[in-house]
């Protein structure tokens, strides 16, 4: 965003919008961008979509066939429909979430896919009908899941492990991660056989 004949406003991030068509109604405070829409920020964040309908007064939007990349969190989100409900919060339909980098069309090392979800970047993704995929192969199903979308360490339960051996039989391995401080942590294990 720039002002004619002046430098960019210091309090705003630079954003660039490319699209095939854009219509803005300043009186109503709405704008629509369509056809190969791409928004990029100077921080390296990107959003690509088929259509973006924005309410400029409420600072909300509805995005069709969205693909978002937040560079700071290395977060990739795709959604059939995405509704921006706050500065870094969204509700989505047919959503995919991963922090793995890969080319478009290539399966990430891991991902979650959901039928509906709410996302607050830097906090949590709450997902309904969540499936966990490893290299594109479904591995687990969760009717509801709450997944952190943050990079800082946090205390909590780790993913349980299920196993079997001829010596010990079936086993369930549980663990708890304790982030004591920025440079100290501990992990506690409890195995049930």
Protein backbone atom coordinates (compact mmCIF):
# COMPACT_ATOMS: atom_id res chain seq x y z
CA UNK A 1 0.00 0.00 0.00
CA UNK A 2 1.49 3.29 -0.98
CA UNK A 3 0.37 6.90 -0.88
CA UNK A 4 0.77 8.85 -4.15
CA UNK A 5 4.17 10.54 -4.19
CA UNK A 6 5.08 9.29 -0.71
CA UNK A 7 6.75 6.25 0.82
CA UNK A 8 4.69 3.33 2.14
CA UNK A 9 2.87 3.93 5.40
CA UNK A 10 5.26 2.69 8.12
CA UNK A 11 2.57 0.98 10.21
CA UNK A 12 1.33 -1.22 7.34
CA UNK A 13 2.92 -4.30 5.81
CA UNK A 14 3.48 -4.04 2.10
CA UNK A 15 1.02 -6.25 0.22
CA UNK A 16 0.83 -6.89 -3.50
CA UNK A 17 -2.35 -8.08 -5.19
CA UNK A 18 -2.47 -9.69 -8.63
CA UNK A 19 -5.68 -10.92 -10.22
CA UNK A 20 -7.54 -11.03 -13.53
CA UNK A 21 -10.39 -8.79 -12.32
CA UNK A 22 -11.01 -6.52 -9.32
CA UNK A 23 -14.08 -4.49 -8.35
CA UNK A 24 -14.20 -2.14 -5.36
CA UNK A 25 -17.29 -0.35 -4.01
CA UNK A 26 -15.91 2.25 -1.59
CA UNK A 27 -19.36 3.42 -0.50
CA UNK A 28 -20.40 -0.09 0.53
CA UNK A 29 -16.89 -0.99 1.72
CA UNK A 30 -16.68 -4.21 -0.28
CA UNK A 31 -14.21 -5.48 -2.84
CA UNK A 32 -13.98 -8.58 -5.01
CA UNK A 33 -10.88 -9.97 -6.71
CA UNK A 34 -11.24 -12.92 -9.08
CA UNK A 35 -9.26 -15.05 -11.51
CA UNK A 36 -5.79 -16.28 -10.47
CA UNK A 37 -5.77 -14.13 -7.33
CA UNK A 38 -2.41 -13.83 -5.55
CA UNK A 39 -1.63 -11.69 -2.53
CA UNK A 40 1.95 -11.51 -1.25
CA UNK A 41 3.42 -9.59 1.68
CA UNK A 42 6.94 -8.27 2.16
CA UNK A 43 7.29 -10.84 4.98
CA UNK A 44 6.96 -13.71 2.48
CA UNK A 45 3.36 -14.67 3.30
CA UNK A 46 1.19 -15.58 0.30
CA UNK A 47 -2.45 -16.30 -0.46
CA UNK A 48 -3.64 -17.67 -3.79
CA UNK A 49 -7.32 -18.19 -4.64
CA UNK A 50 -9.97 -18.24 -7.34
CA UNK A 51 -12.09 -15.50 -5.74
CA UNK A 52 -11.74 -13.20 -2.72
CA UNK A 53 -14.73 -11.20 -1.47
CA UNK A 54 -13.69 -8.66 1.17
CA UNK A 55 -15.64 -6.53 3.62
CA UNK A 56 -13.22 -3.63 4.01
CA UNK A 57 -15.05 -2.11 6.98
CA UNK A 58 -15.21 -5.31 9.05
CA UNK A 59 -11.81 -6.50 7.73
CA UNK A 60 -13.23 -9.93 6.93
CA UNK A 61 -13.25 -11.98 3.74
CA UNK A 62 -14.57 -15.08 2.03
CA UNK A 63 -11.99 -16.89 -0.11
CA UNK A 64 -12.75 -19.66 -2.61
CA UNK A 65 -10.11 -22.39 -3.23
CA UNK A 66 -7.58 -20.79 -0.89
CA UNK A 67 -3.93 -21.70 -0.44
CA UNK A 68 -2.12 -19.80 2.34
CA UNK A 69 1.52 -19.82 3.36
CA UNK A 70 2.65 -18.06 6.57
CA UNK A 71 6.43 -17.82 6.32
CA UNK A 72 7.06 -17.03 10.01
CA UNK A 73 5.33 -20.26 11.10
CA UNK A 74 6.12 -22.23 7.89
CA UNK A 75 2.41 -22.99 7.86
CA UNK A 76 0.60 -24.23 4.73
CA UNK A 77 -3.22 -24.17 4.75
CA UNK A 78 -5.48 -25.04 1.82
CA UNK A 79 -9.27 -24.83 1.90
CA UNK A 80 -12.17 -25.13 -0.50
CA UNK A 81 -13.72 -22.18 1.34
CA UNK A 82 -12.05 -19.95 3.88
CA UNK A 83 -13.69 -17.20 5.91
CA UNK A 84 -11.38 -14.66 7.54
CA UNK A 85 -12.96 -13.85 10.89
CA UNK A 86 -10.11 -11.88 12.53
CA UNK A 87 -6.51 -10.71 11.95
CA UNK A 88 -5.15 -14.31 12.12
CA UNK A 89 -8.30 -16.38 12.58
CA UNK A 90 -10.33 -18.29 10.02
CA UNK A 91 -13.13 -20.81 9.61
CA UNK A 92 -12.66 -23.26 6.77
CA UNK A 93 -14.30 -26.03 4.78
CA UNK A 94 -12.39 -28.98 3.23
CA UNK A 95 -9.10 -27.96 4.82
CA UNK A 96 -5.54 -29.27 4.69
CA UNK A 97 -2.84 -28.21 7.19
CA UNK A 98 0.90 -28.97 7.28
CA UNK A 99 4.24 -27.35 8.10
CA UNK A 100 6.05 -29.48 5.49
CA UNK A 101 7.44 -27.78 2.39
CA UNK A 102 6.70 -29.55 -0.89
CA UNK A 103 5.82 -28.71 -4.47
CA UNK A 104 2.15 -28.22 -5.39
CA UNK A 105 0.59 -31.59 -6.23
CA UNK A 106 3.26 -33.44 -4.19
CA UNK A 107 2.24 -35.14 -0.92
CA UNK A 108 3.81 -33.60 2.21
CA UNK A 109 5.58 -35.87 4.71
CA UNK A 110 2.52 -35.40 6.97
CA UNK A 111 -0.72 -33.43 6.90
CA UNK A 112 -4.12 -33.13 8.54
CA UNK A 113 -7.26 -32.91 6.40
CA UNK A 114 -10.64 -31.91 7.79
CA UNK A 115 -14.21 -31.40 6.64
CA UNK A 116 -14.51 -28.18 8.69
CA UNK A 117 -12.11 -26.31 10.93
CA UNK A 118 -11.44 -23.09 12.76
CA UNK A 119 -7.86 -21.80 12.73
CA UNK A 120 -6.13 -19.18 14.84
CA UNK A 121 -2.57 -18.87 13.57
CA UNK A 122 -0.13 -18.93 16.48
CA UNK A 123 -2.70 -20.81 18.60
CA UNK A 124 -4.77 -23.85 17.55
CA UNK A 125 -6.62 -25.47 14.68
CA UNK A 126 -9.90 -27.07 15.85
CA UNK A 127 -10.94 -29.71 13.32
CA UNK A 128 -13.98 -31.90 12.75
CA UNK A 129 -13.68 -35.20 10.84
CA UNK A 130 -9.88 -34.90 10.91
CA UNK A 131 -7.67 -37.38 9.11
CA UNK A 132 -3.92 -37.60 9.64
CA UNK A 133 -1.97 -38.50 6.47
CA UNK A 134 1.59 -39.72 6.05
CA UNK A 135 2.86 -39.09 2.49
CA UNK A 136 -0.75 -38.96 1.26
CA UNK A 137 -1.81 -42.22 2.95
CA UNK A 138 -4.52 -41.93 5.67
CA UNK A 139 -3.09 -43.15 8.99
CA UNK A 140 -5.56 -41.97 11.69
CA UNK A 141 -9.11 -40.63 11.96
CA UNK A 142 -10.32 -38.26 14.67
CA UNK A 143 -13.97 -37.11 14.92
CA UNK A 144 -12.59 -33.95 16.59
CA UNK A 145 -9.00 -32.78 16.97
CA UNK A 146 -7.31 -29.70 18.39
CA UNK A 147 -3.93 -29.21 16.74
CA UNK A 148 -1.36 -26.56 17.72
CA UNK A 149 -0.32 -24.17 14.95
CA UNK A 150 2.56 -22.56 16.74
CA UNK A 151 6.32 -22.91 16.76
CA UNK A 152 7.17 -22.23 20.41
CA UNK A 153 7.52 -25.16 22.76
CA UNK A 154 4.63 -25.98 25.03
CA UNK A 155 3.99 -28.56 27.74
CA UNK A 156 1.50 -31.30 26.92
CA UNK A 157 0.75 -34.90 26.04
CA UNK A 158 2.64 -36.29 23.06
CA UNK A 159 1.13 -38.58 20.45
CA UNK A 160 0.67 -42.06 21.94
CA UNK A 161 2.35 -45.06 20.39
CA UNK A 162 0.79 -48.47 19.90
CA UNK A 163 2.97 -51.53 19.52
CA UNK A 164 3.25 -55.29 19.82
CA UNK A 165 6.16 -57.62 20.47
CA UNK A 166 6.37 -61.40 20.93
CA UNK A 167 8.02 -60.88 24.31
CA UNK A 168 5.83 -58.12 25.79
CA UNK A 169 2.59 -58.48 23.79
CA UNK A 170 0.43 -55.42 23.04
CA UNK A 171 1.64 -52.12 24.46
CA UNK A 172 0.39 -48.53 24.67
CA UNK A 173 3.14 -45.94 25.09
CA UNK A 174 2.14 -42.57 26.55
CA UNK A 175 4.40 -39.60 27.12
CA UNK A 176 4.18 -36.09 28.55
CA UNK A 177 6.49 -33.25 27.44
CA UNK A 178 7.24 -30.56 30.04
CA UNK A 179 8.73 -27.29 28.73
CA UNK A 180 10.35 -26.18 31.99
CA UNK A 181 12.03 -23.09 30.49
CA UNK A 182 13.39 -21.86 27.14
CA UNK A 183 16.45 -24.10 27.41
CA UNK A 184 15.23 -26.90 29.71
CA UNK A 185 12.64 -29.63 29.20
CA UNK A 186 11.75 -33.13 30.35
CA UNK A 187 9.73 -35.99 28.87
CA UNK A 188 7.96 -38.53 31.08
CA UNK A 189 6.91 -41.94 29.74
CA UNK A 190 4.26 -44.40 30.89
CA UNK A 191 3.97 -47.71 29.05
CA UNK A 192 0.88 -49.89 29.53
CA UNK A 193 1.13 -53.57 28.59
